[in-house]
């Protein structure tokens, strides 16, 4: 499915005066997919045709991403979680499975923390995490990310272009599963829509938030009653094998599916393996439940 078709098949709803792009297709149990930085919900396009055969799939472009509202502000992870709660209410969804990636993992951790607090307005049945900075001590940010987050980020962001995105993405995909030129074009379209490329350095504040809220967000995984699986591209230099190792150290009875030779975007690089992992996790959880 081309990006233009993905966009035309979606819709918008408004939260606090801000337009949020979302898409929902299929019937059955709800399945919420939460994207990462710096892209958008289109990251799930290769999984979408299969998942929508079994689930009512729901996804969105979070604030500052894709086709949603963008502005020169530092968005909070708690704010993104609140928008997801508003979307679930808008769609009348009381319970859902969740698949998340990268920045979306952090949002999912906040949602899990709210579920533990008893404040989440819907129930998460299962969670499947893909590559992301679950633990700030193992998140190896790219040099460009560190520079953009620094005091000079506002100056450097003026020089961000598609070539810079191409270089960064090629460095975090697996050696045998590089992004295509069409992927790069789509990434850049999603980033630059509504002048979003001018604000990417501000979105990176999530790295500071991960450090500030580490105890809350890690504890949410450690104490979770919800079945959790980590499906991880092991060749990811940001959150790959080293993050998976830390996950096994910190999470009780860890359930990890390792994808060898796959980088930071397993849902794009190896969609069949990710689909198999997602479906198997949900099926196994249903069998264990009863």
C-alpha atoms as a PDB file:
ATOM      1  CA  UNK A   1       0.000   0.000   0.000  1.00  0.00           C
ATOM      2  CA  UNK A   2       1.441   3.359  -1.032  1.00  0.00           C
ATOM      3  CA  UNK A   3       1.721   6.203   1.467  1.00  0.00           C
ATOM      4  CA  UNK A   4      -0.859   8.290  -0.372  1.00  0.00           C
ATOM      5  CA  UNK A   5      -3.385   5.463  -0.141  1.00  0.00           C
ATOM      6  CA  UNK A   6      -2.551   4.937   3.538  1.00  0.00           C
ATOM      7  CA  UNK A   7      -3.281   8.596   4.179  1.00  0.00           C
ATOM      8  CA  UNK A   8      -6.525   8.647   2.206  1.00  0.00           C
ATOM      9  CA  UNK A   9      -7.772   5.561   4.069  1.00  0.00           C
ATOM     10  CA  UNK A  10      -7.328   7.220   7.447  1.00  0.00           C
ATOM     11  CA  UNK A  11      -9.215   9.886   9.354  1.00  0.00           C
ATOM     12  CA  UNK A  12      -8.655  12.676  11.872  1.00  0.00           C
ATOM     13  CA  UNK A  13     -10.011  13.453  15.294  1.00  0.00           C
ATOM     14  CA  UNK A  14      -9.304  16.493  17.440  1.00  0.00           C
ATOM     15  CA  UNK A  15      -7.794  16.540  20.930  1.00  0.00           C
ATOM     16  CA  UNK A  16      -7.308  19.902  22.659  1.00  0.00           C
ATOM     17  CA  UNK A  17      -7.654  21.649  19.314  1.00  0.00           C
ATOM     18  CA  UNK A  18      -4.974  19.464  17.703  1.00  0.00           C
ATOM     19  CA  UNK A  19      -5.784  17.253  14.713  1.00  0.00           C
ATOM     20  CA  UNK A  20      -4.590  13.664  15.068  1.00  0.00           C
ATOM     21  CA  UNK A  21      -4.386  11.266  12.133  1.00  0.00           C
ATOM     22  CA  UNK A  22      -5.511   7.716  12.808  1.00  0.00           C
ATOM     23  CA  UNK A  23      -6.442   4.626  10.877  1.00  0.00           C
ATOM     24  CA  UNK A  24      -8.568   1.622  11.788  1.00  0.00           C
ATOM     25  CA  UNK A  25      -9.432  -1.425   9.679  1.00  0.00           C
ATOM     26  CA  UNK A  26     -10.599  -4.987  10.216  1.00  0.00           C
ATOM     27  CA  UNK A  27     -12.894  -6.719  12.665  1.00  0.00           C
ATOM     28  CA  UNK A  28     -12.353  -8.780  15.785  1.00  0.00           C
ATOM     29  CA  UNK A  29     -10.395  -8.117  18.992  1.00  0.00           C
ATOM     30  CA  UNK A  30      -8.741  -4.705  19.032  1.00  0.00           C
ATOM     31  CA  UNK A  31      -5.029  -4.392  18.284  1.00  0.00           C
ATOM     32  CA  UNK A  32      -3.348  -1.027  18.867  1.00  0.00           C
ATOM     33  CA  UNK A  33      -0.036  -0.351  17.066  1.00  0.00           C
ATOM     34  CA  UNK A  34       2.147   2.509  18.366  1.00  0.00           C
ATOM     35  CA  UNK A  35       4.931   3.818  16.106  1.00  0.00           C
ATOM     36  CA  UNK A  36       8.402   5.146  16.872  1.00  0.00           C
ATOM     37  CA  UNK A  37      10.634   8.181  16.243  1.00  0.00           C
ATOM     38  CA  UNK A  38      10.988   9.854  13.773  1.00  0.00           C
ATOM     39  CA  UNK A  39       8.445   8.214  11.481  1.00  0.00           C
ATOM     40  CA  UNK A  40       4.721   7.450  11.898  1.00  0.00           C
ATOM     41  CA  UNK A  41       1.929   4.879  11.726  1.00  0.00           C
ATOM     42  CA  UNK A  42       2.858   3.986   8.140  1.00  0.00           C
ATOM     43  CA  UNK A  43       5.655   1.910   9.697  1.00  0.00           C
ATOM     44  CA  UNK A  44       3.012  -0.816  10.182  1.00  0.00           C
ATOM     45  CA  UNK A  45       1.926  -0.989   6.537  1.00  0.00           C
ATOM     46  CA  UNK A  46       3.614  -4.346   5.831  1.00  0.00           C
ATOM     47  CA  UNK A  47       1.834  -5.978   8.790  1.00  0.00           C
ATOM     48  CA  UNK A  48      -1.521  -4.309   8.177  1.00  0.00           C
ATOM     49  CA  UNK A  49      -3.053  -6.592   5.485  1.00  0.00           C
ATOM     50  CA  UNK A  50      -2.507  -9.723   7.574  1.00  0.00           C
ATOM     51  CA  UNK A  51      -3.346  -8.295  10.985  1.00  0.00           C
ATOM     52  CA  UNK A  52      -6.607  -6.787   9.751  1.00  0.00           C
ATOM     53  CA  UNK A  53      -7.791 -10.288   8.822  1.00  0.00           C
ATOM     54  CA  UNK A  54      -7.845 -11.208  12.511  1.00  0.00           C
ATOM     55  CA  UNK A  55      -8.130  -7.948  14.446  1.00  0.00           C
ATOM     56  CA  UNK A  56      -9.680  -4.526  14.510  1.00  0.00           C
ATOM     57  CA  UNK A  57      -6.367  -2.762  13.976  1.00  0.00           C
ATOM     58  CA  UNK A  58      -5.953   0.767  15.297  1.00  0.00           C
ATOM     59  CA  UNK A  59      -2.995   3.073  14.822  1.00  0.00           C
ATOM     60  CA  UNK A  60      -2.255   6.792  14.848  1.00  0.00           C
ATOM     61  CA  UNK A  61       0.379   9.388  14.121  1.00  0.00           C
ATOM     62  CA  UNK A  62       1.223  10.805  17.521  1.00  0.00           C
ATOM     63  CA  UNK A  63       1.584  14.539  18.132  1.00  0.00           C
ATOM     64  CA  UNK A  64       4.538  15.898  16.180  1.00  0.00           C
ATOM     65  CA  UNK A  65       4.647  12.932  13.789  1.00  0.00           C
ATOM     66  CA  UNK A  66       3.406  12.067  10.318  1.00  0.00           C
ATOM     67  CA  UNK A  67       0.155  13.718   9.304  1.00  0.00           C
ATOM     68  CA  UNK A  68      -0.795  14.860  12.810  1.00  0.00           C
ATOM     69  CA  UNK A  69      -0.459  18.319  14.349  1.00  0.00           C
ATOM     70  CA  UNK A  70       3.111  19.599  14.640  1.00  0.00           C
ATOM     71  CA  UNK A  71       4.456  22.622  16.504  1.00  0.00           C
ATOM     72  CA  UNK A  72       7.791  23.830  17.976  1.00  0.00           C
ATOM     73  CA  UNK A  73       7.232  22.394  21.462  1.00  0.00           C
ATOM     74  CA  UNK A  74       8.592  19.531  23.569  1.00  0.00           C
ATOM     75  CA  UNK A  75       5.863  16.905  23.625  1.00  0.00           C
ATOM     76  CA  UNK A  76       5.527  14.772  26.738  1.00  0.00           C
ATOM     77  CA  UNK A  77       5.192  10.987  26.697  1.00  0.00           C
ATOM     78  CA  UNK A  78       2.309  11.361  29.136  1.00  0.00           C
ATOM     79  CA  UNK A  79       0.654  13.691  26.635  1.00  0.00           C
ATOM     80  CA  UNK A  80       0.979  11.090  23.884  1.00  0.00           C
ATOM     81  CA  UNK A  81      -0.500   8.447  26.196  1.00  0.00           C
ATOM     82  CA  UNK A  82      -3.414  10.772  26.904  1.00  0.00           C
ATOM     83  CA  UNK A  83      -4.093  11.152  23.185  1.00  0.00           C
ATOM     84  CA  UNK A  84      -4.156   7.371  22.788  1.00  0.00           C
ATOM     85  CA  UNK A  85      -6.649   7.166  25.646  1.00  0.00           C
ATOM     86  CA  UNK A  86      -8.772   9.785  23.888  1.00  0.00           C
ATOM     87  CA  UNK A  87      -8.617   7.811  20.637  1.00  0.00           C
ATOM     88  CA  UNK A  88      -9.679   4.598  22.348  1.00  0.00           C
ATOM     89  CA  UNK A  89     -12.615   6.444  23.894  1.00  0.00           C
ATOM     90  CA  UNK A  90     -13.435   8.010  20.521  1.00  0.00           C
ATOM     91  CA  UNK A  91     -13.527   4.527  18.970  1.00  0.00           C
ATOM     92  CA  UNK A  92     -15.290   2.973  21.976  1.00  0.00           C
ATOM     93  CA  UNK A  93     -12.569   0.373  22.588  1.00  0.00           C
ATOM     94  CA  UNK A  94     -12.544  -1.017  26.163  1.00  0.00           C
ATOM     95  CA  UNK A  95      -9.777  -3.587  25.678  1.00  0.00           C
ATOM     96  CA  UNK A  96      -6.895  -4.073  23.251  1.00  0.00           C
ATOM     97  CA  UNK A  97      -3.708  -5.926  22.443  1.00  0.00           C
ATOM     98  CA  UNK A  98      -0.727  -3.598  21.884  1.00  0.00           C
ATOM     99  CA  UNK A  99       2.315  -3.723  19.601  1.00  0.00           C
ATOM    100  CA  UNK A 100       4.815  -0.884  19.981  1.00  0.00           C
ATOM    101  CA  UNK A 101       8.169   0.236  18.596  1.00  0.00           C
ATOM    102  CA  UNK A 102      10.930   2.637  19.675  1.00  0.00           C
ATOM    103  CA  UNK A 103       9.333   5.877  21.016  1.00  0.00           C
ATOM    104  CA  UNK A 104       6.083   3.925  21.029  1.00  0.00           C
ATOM    105  CA  UNK A 105       7.597   1.479  23.535  1.00  0.00           C
ATOM    106  CA  UNK A 106       8.007   4.347  25.986  1.00  0.00           C
ATOM    107  CA  UNK A 107       4.414   5.419  25.439  1.00  0.00           C
ATOM    108  CA  UNK A 108       3.354   1.803  26.003  1.00  0.00           C
ATOM    109  CA  UNK A 109       5.341   1.748  29.257  1.00  0.00           C
ATOM    110  CA  UNK A 110       3.422   4.811  30.449  1.00  0.00           C
ATOM    111  CA  UNK A 111       0.136   3.147  29.487  1.00  0.00           C
ATOM    112  CA  UNK A 112       1.190   0.054  31.434  1.00  0.00           C
ATOM    113  CA  UNK A 113       2.055   2.243  34.418  1.00  0.00           C
ATOM    114  CA  UNK A 114      -1.404   3.795  34.254  1.00  0.00           C
ATOM    115  CA  UNK A 115      -2.933   0.326  34.074  1.00  0.00           C
ATOM    116  CA  UNK A 116      -1.014  -0.599  37.227  1.00  0.00           C
ATOM    117  CA  UNK A 117      -2.249   2.624  38.867  1.00  0.00           C
ATOM    118  CA  UNK A 118      -5.820   1.772  37.933  1.00  0.00           C
ATOM    119  CA  UNK A 119      -6.183   4.989  35.919  1.00  0.00           C
ATOM    120  CA  UNK A 120      -6.046   3.635  32.362  1.00  0.00           C
ATOM    121  CA  UNK A 121      -9.517   3.947  30.773  1.00  0.00           C
ATOM    122  CA  UNK A 122      -9.067   0.763  28.733  1.00  0.00           C
ATOM    123  CA  UNK A 123      -7.399  -2.593  29.366  1.00  0.00           C
ATOM    124  CA  UNK A 124      -4.199  -3.855  27.719  1.00  0.00           C
ATOM    125  CA  UNK A 125      -4.590  -7.606  27.129  1.00  0.00           C
ATOM    126  CA  UNK A 126      -1.104  -8.308  25.777  1.00  0.00           C
ATOM    127  CA  UNK A 127       1.952  -6.225  24.886  1.00  0.00           C
ATOM    128  CA  UNK A 128       4.562  -6.968  22.221  1.00  0.00           C
ATOM    129  CA  UNK A 129       7.517  -4.582  22.318  1.00  0.00           C
ATOM    130  CA  UNK A 130       9.836  -4.110  19.355  1.00  0.00           C
ATOM    131  CA  UNK A 131      13.247  -2.401  19.407  1.00  0.00           C
ATOM    132  CA  UNK A 132      13.199   0.619  21.703  1.00  0.00           C
ATOM    133  CA  UNK A 133      14.901   2.363  24.614  1.00  0.00           C
ATOM    134  CA  UNK A 134      13.186   0.463  27.417  1.00  0.00           C
ATOM    135  CA  UNK A 135      16.105   1.264  29.716  1.00  0.00           C
ATOM    136  CA  UNK A 136      17.877   4.624  29.362  1.00  0.00           C
ATOM    137  CA  UNK A 137      21.183   3.074  30.429  1.00  0.00           C
ATOM    138  CA  UNK A 138      21.214   0.814  27.330  1.00  0.00           C
ATOM    139  CA  UNK A 139      19.871   3.309  24.779  1.00  0.00           C
ATOM    140  CA  UNK A 140      22.756   4.130  22.433  1.00  0.00           C
ATOM    141  CA  UNK A 141      21.519   7.241  20.656  1.00  0.00           C
ATOM    142  CA  UNK A 142      22.936   8.122  17.261  1.00  0.00           C
ATOM    143  CA  UNK A 143      25.542  10.938  17.213  1.00  0.00           C
ATOM    144  CA  UNK A 144      23.117  13.125  15.254  1.00  0.00           C
ATOM    145  CA  UNK A 145      20.444  12.572  17.914  1.00  0.00           C
ATOM    146  CA  UNK A 146      22.828  13.634  20.669  1.00  0.00           C
ATOM    147  CA  UNK A 147      23.755  16.765  18.744  1.00  0.00           C
ATOM    148  CA  UNK A 148      20.143  17.655  18.006  1.00  0.00           C
ATOM    149  CA  UNK A 149      19.256  17.221  21.683  1.00  0.00           C
ATOM    150  CA  UNK A 150      22.139  19.497  22.715  1.00  0.00           C
ATOM    151  CA  UNK A 151      21.944  23.321  22.973  1.00  0.00           C
ATOM    152  CA  UNK A 152      23.065  23.599  19.333  1.00  0.00           C
ATOM    153  CA  UNK A 153      20.170  21.432  18.128  1.00  0.00           C
ATOM    154  CA  UNK A 154      18.111  24.447  17.091  1.00  0.00           C
ATOM    155  CA  UNK A 155      20.907  25.507  14.735  1.00  0.00           C
ATOM    156  CA  UNK A 156      21.753  22.082  13.350  1.00  0.00           C
ATOM    157  CA  UNK A 157      18.123  21.244  12.595  1.00  0.00           C
ATOM    158  CA  UNK A 158      18.201  23.838   9.808  1.00  0.00           C
ATOM    159  CA  UNK A 159      20.539  21.560   7.862  1.00  0.00           C
ATOM    160  CA  UNK A 160      18.437  18.406   8.229  1.00  0.00           C
ATOM    161  CA  UNK A 161      17.375  17.007   4.863  1.00  0.00           C
ATOM    162  CA  UNK A 162      16.473  13.755   3.154  1.00  0.00           C
ATOM    163  CA  UNK A 163      20.137  12.849   2.643  1.00  0.00           C
ATOM    164  CA  UNK A 164      20.733  13.044   6.399  1.00  0.00           C
ATOM    165  CA  UNK A 165      17.730  10.809   7.017  1.00  0.00           C
ATOM    166  CA  UNK A 166      18.998   8.352   4.394  1.00  0.00           C
ATOM    167  CA  UNK A 167      22.396   8.141   6.086  1.00  0.00           C
ATOM    168  CA  UNK A 168      20.907   7.680   9.558  1.00  0.00           C
ATOM    169  CA  UNK A 169      18.405   5.037   8.493  1.00  0.00           C
ATOM    170  CA  UNK A 170      20.982   3.027   6.576  1.00  0.00           C
ATOM    171  CA  UNK A 171      23.088   2.961   9.711  1.00  0.00           C
ATOM    172  CA  UNK A 172      20.385   1.419  11.901  1.00  0.00           C
ATOM    173  CA  UNK A 173      18.851  -1.140   9.515  1.00  0.00           C
ATOM    174  CA  UNK A 174      20.429  -4.579   9.170  1.00  0.00           C
ATOM    175  CA  UNK A 175      23.220  -5.001   6.620  1.00  0.00           C
ATOM    176  CA  UNK A 176      21.140  -7.361   4.475  1.00  0.00           C
ATOM    177  CA  UNK A 177      17.839  -5.521   4.977  1.00  0.00           C
ATOM    178  CA  UNK A 178      18.591  -1.872   4.126  1.00  0.00           C
ATOM    179  CA  UNK A 179      15.808   0.649   3.494  1.00  0.00           C
ATOM    180  CA  UNK A 180      14.839   1.125  -0.135  1.00  0.00           C
ATOM    181  CA  UNK A 181      14.819   4.515  -1.805  1.00  0.00           C
ATOM    182  CA  UNK A 182      11.024   4.373  -1.634  1.00  0.00           C
ATOM    183  CA  UNK A 183      11.305   3.827   2.128  1.00  0.00           C
ATOM    184  CA  UNK A 184      13.546   6.894   2.406  1.00  0.00           C
ATOM    185  CA  UNK A 185      11.144   8.970   0.324  1.00  0.00           C
ATOM    186  CA  UNK A 186       8.253   7.901   2.541  1.00  0.00           C
ATOM    187  CA  UNK A 187      10.189   8.555   5.741  1.00  0.00           C
ATOM    188  CA  UNK A 188      11.065  12.047   4.551  1.00  0.00           C
ATOM    189  CA  UNK A 189       7.498  12.806   3.495  1.00  0.00           C
ATOM    190  CA  UNK A 190       6.214  11.780   6.924  1.00  0.00           C
ATOM    191  CA  UNK A 191       8.896  13.763   8.734  1.00  0.00           C
ATOM    192  CA  UNK A 192       8.630  16.929   6.625  1.00  0.00           C
ATOM    193  CA  UNK A 193       4.819  17.138   6.379  1.00  0.00           C
ATOM    194  CA  UNK A 194       3.561  20.240   8.226  1.00  0.00           C
ATOM    195  CA  UNK A 195       7.208  21.392   8.576  1.00  0.00           C
ATOM    196  CA  UNK A 196       7.911  18.586  11.038  1.00  0.00           C
ATOM    197  CA  UNK A 197      11.579  18.372  10.029  1.00  0.00           C
ATOM    198  CA  UNK A 198      12.085  21.735  11.743  1.00  0.00           C
ATOM    199  CA  UNK A 199      10.976  20.335  15.100  1.00  0.00           C
ATOM    200  CA  UNK A 200      12.666  16.923  15.233  1.00  0.00           C
ATOM    201  CA  UNK A 201      15.188  18.098  17.812  1.00  0.00           C
ATOM    202  CA  UNK A 202      12.339  19.005  20.176  1.00  0.00           C
ATOM    203  CA  UNK A 203      10.762  15.558  19.878  1.00  0.00           C
ATOM    204  CA  UNK A 204      14.059  14.081  21.092  1.00  0.00           C
ATOM    205  CA  UNK A 205      13.259  15.313  24.588  1.00  0.00           C
ATOM    206  CA  UNK A 206      11.801  11.840  25.111  1.00  0.00           C
ATOM    207  CA  UNK A 207      15.359  10.717  25.930  1.00  0.00           C
ATOM    208  CA  UNK A 208      15.428  13.082  28.907  1.00  0.00           C
ATOM    209  CA  UNK A 209      11.972  11.926  29.955  1.00  0.00           C
ATOM    210  CA  UNK A 210      13.112   8.295  29.923  1.00  0.00           C
ATOM    211  CA  UNK A 211      15.794   9.126  32.480  1.00  0.00           C
ATOM    212  CA  UNK A 212      13.427  11.178  34.632  1.00  0.00           C
ATOM    213  CA  UNK A 213      10.706   8.514  34.726  1.00  0.00           C
ATOM    214  CA  UNK A 214      12.923   5.424  34.567  1.00  0.00           C
ATOM    215  CA  UNK A 215      11.675   3.908  37.816  1.00  0.00           C
ATOM    216  CA  UNK A 216       8.005   4.298  36.878  1.00  0.00           C
ATOM    217  CA  UNK A 217       8.402   2.960  33.354  1.00  0.00           C
ATOM    218  CA  UNK A 218      10.743   0.059  34.118  1.00  0.00           C
ATOM    219  CA  UNK A 219       8.691  -0.970  37.141  1.00  0.00           C
ATOM    220  CA  UNK A 220       5.612  -1.048  34.907  1.00  0.00           C
ATOM    221  CA  UNK A 221       7.253  -3.864  32.935  1.00  0.00           C
ATOM    222  CA  UNK A 222       8.740  -5.652  35.921  1.00  0.00           C
ATOM    223  CA  UNK A 223       5.448  -5.859  37.829  1.00  0.00           C
ATOM    224  CA  UNK A 224       3.126  -6.316  34.867  1.00  0.00           C
ATOM    225  CA  UNK A 225       0.396  -8.932  35.027  1.00  0.00           C
ATOM    226  CA  UNK A 226      -0.225  -8.430  31.313  1.00  0.00           C
ATOM    227  CA  UNK A 227       1.672 -10.954  29.125  1.00  0.00           C
ATOM    228  CA  UNK A 228       4.648  -9.169  27.539  1.00  0.00           C
ATOM    229  CA  UNK A 229       6.950 -10.254  24.747  1.00  0.00           C
ATOM    230  CA  UNK A 230      10.032  -8.512  23.345  1.00  0.00           C
ATOM    231  CA  UNK A 231      10.599  -9.097  19.621  1.00  0.00           C
ATOM    232  CA  UNK A 232      13.990  -7.614  18.875  1.00  0.00           C
ATOM    233  CA  UNK A 233      16.191  -7.049  15.843  1.00  0.00           C
ATOM    234  CA  UNK A 234      19.540  -8.087  17.280  1.00  0.00           C
ATOM    235  CA  UNK A 235      21.711  -6.089  14.853  1.00  0.00           C
ATOM    236  CA  UNK A 236      20.204  -2.759  15.896  1.00  0.00           C
ATOM    237  CA  UNK A 237      23.048  -0.490  17.118  1.00  0.00           C
ATOM    238  CA  UNK A 238      20.596   1.620  19.159  1.00  0.00           C
ATOM    239  CA  UNK A 239      18.469  -0.937  21.028  1.00  0.00           C
ATOM    240  CA  UNK A 240      19.483  -4.361  19.790  1.00  0.00           C
ATOM    241  CA  UNK A 241      21.321  -7.277  21.408  1.00  0.00           C
ATOM    242  CA  UNK A 242      22.632  -5.171  24.289  1.00  0.00           C
ATOM    243  CA  UNK A 243      19.097  -3.999  25.166  1.00  0.00           C
ATOM    244  CA  UNK A 244      17.757  -7.559  24.923  1.00  0.00           C
ATOM    245  CA  UNK A 245      20.466  -8.676  27.349  1.00  0.00           C
ATOM    246  CA  UNK A 246      19.482  -5.974  29.842  1.00  0.00           C
ATOM    247  CA  UNK A 247      15.814  -6.921  29.398  1.00  0.00           C
ATOM    248  CA  UNK A 248      16.625 -10.489  30.427  1.00  0.00           C
ATOM    249  CA  UNK A 249      18.458  -9.191  33.507  1.00  0.00           C
ATOM    250  CA  UNK A 250      15.673  -6.917  34.728  1.00  0.00           C
ATOM    251  CA  UNK A 251      12.377  -8.480  33.653  1.00  0.00           C
ATOM    252  CA  UNK A 252      11.059 -11.540  35.555  1.00  0.00           C
ATOM    253  CA  UNK A 253      10.475 -14.579  33.317  1.00  0.00           C
ATOM    254  CA  UNK A 254      11.428 -12.662  30.172  1.00  0.00           C
ATOM    255  CA  UNK A 255       9.890 -13.760  26.887  1.00  0.00           C
ATOM    256  CA  UNK A 256      12.205 -12.674  24.081  1.00  0.00           C
ATOM    257  CA  UNK A 257      12.135 -13.463  20.360  1.00  0.00           C
ATOM    258  CA  UNK A 258      15.497 -12.660  18.783  1.00  0.00           C
ATOM    259  CA  UNK A 259      15.659 -11.735  15.093  1.00  0.00           C
ATOM    260  CA  UNK A 260      19.227 -12.223  13.927  1.00  0.00           C
ATOM    261  CA  UNK A 261      20.699  -9.885  11.291  1.00  0.00           C
ATOM    262  CA  UNK A 262      17.719  -7.538  11.669  1.00  0.00           C
ATOM    263  CA  UNK A 263      18.157  -3.918  12.698  1.00  0.00           C
ATOM    264  CA  UNK A 264      16.091  -1.213  14.363  1.00  0.00           C
ATOM    265  CA  UNK A 265      12.950  -1.517  12.217  1.00  0.00           C
ATOM    266  CA  UNK A 266      12.007  -5.230  12.330  1.00  0.00           C
ATOM    267  CA  UNK A 267       8.439  -4.558  11.167  1.00  0.00           C
ATOM    268  CA  UNK A 268       9.856  -3.135   7.918  1.00  0.00           C
ATOM    269  CA  UNK A 269      12.940  -5.341   7.577  1.00  0.00           C
ATOM    270  CA  UNK A 270      11.373  -8.689   8.483  1.00  0.00           C
ATOM    271  CA  UNK A 271       7.580  -8.351   8.566  1.00  0.00           C
ATOM    272  CA  UNK A 272       6.892 -12.097   8.299  1.00  0.00           C
ATOM    273  CA  UNK A 273       8.921 -12.860  11.423  1.00  0.00           C
ATOM    274  CA  UNK A 274       7.299  -9.994  13.318  1.00  0.00           C
ATOM    275  CA  UNK A 275       3.832 -11.120  12.250  1.00  0.00           C
ATOM    276  CA  UNK A 276       4.554 -14.658  13.391  1.00  0.00           C
ATOM    277  CA  UNK A 277       5.774 -13.389  16.753  1.00  0.00           C
ATOM    278  CA  UNK A 278       2.803 -11.068  17.298  1.00  0.00           C
ATOM    279  CA  UNK A 279       0.210 -13.685  16.369  1.00  0.00           C
ATOM    280  CA  UNK A 280       1.883 -16.434  18.376  1.00  0.00           C
ATOM    281  CA  UNK A 281       2.140 -14.227  21.467  1.00  0.00           C
ATOM    282  CA  UNK A 282      -1.546 -13.336  21.375  1.00  0.00           C
ATOM    283  CA  UNK A 283      -2.580 -16.925  20.698  1.00  0.00           C
ATOM    284  CA  UNK A 284      -0.399 -18.310  23.484  1.00  0.00           C
ATOM    285  CA  UNK A 285      -1.695 -15.712  25.926  1.00  0.00           C
ATOM    286  CA  UNK A 286      -5.285 -16.679  25.082  1.00  0.00           C
ATOM    287  CA  UNK A 287      -4.489 -20.356  25.657  1.00  0.00           C
ATOM    288  CA  UNK A 288      -2.797 -19.621  28.997  1.00  0.00           C
ATOM    289  CA  UNK A 289      -5.772 -17.527  30.047  1.00  0.00           C
ATOM    290  CA  UNK A 290      -8.109 -20.285  29.549  1.00  0.00           C
END
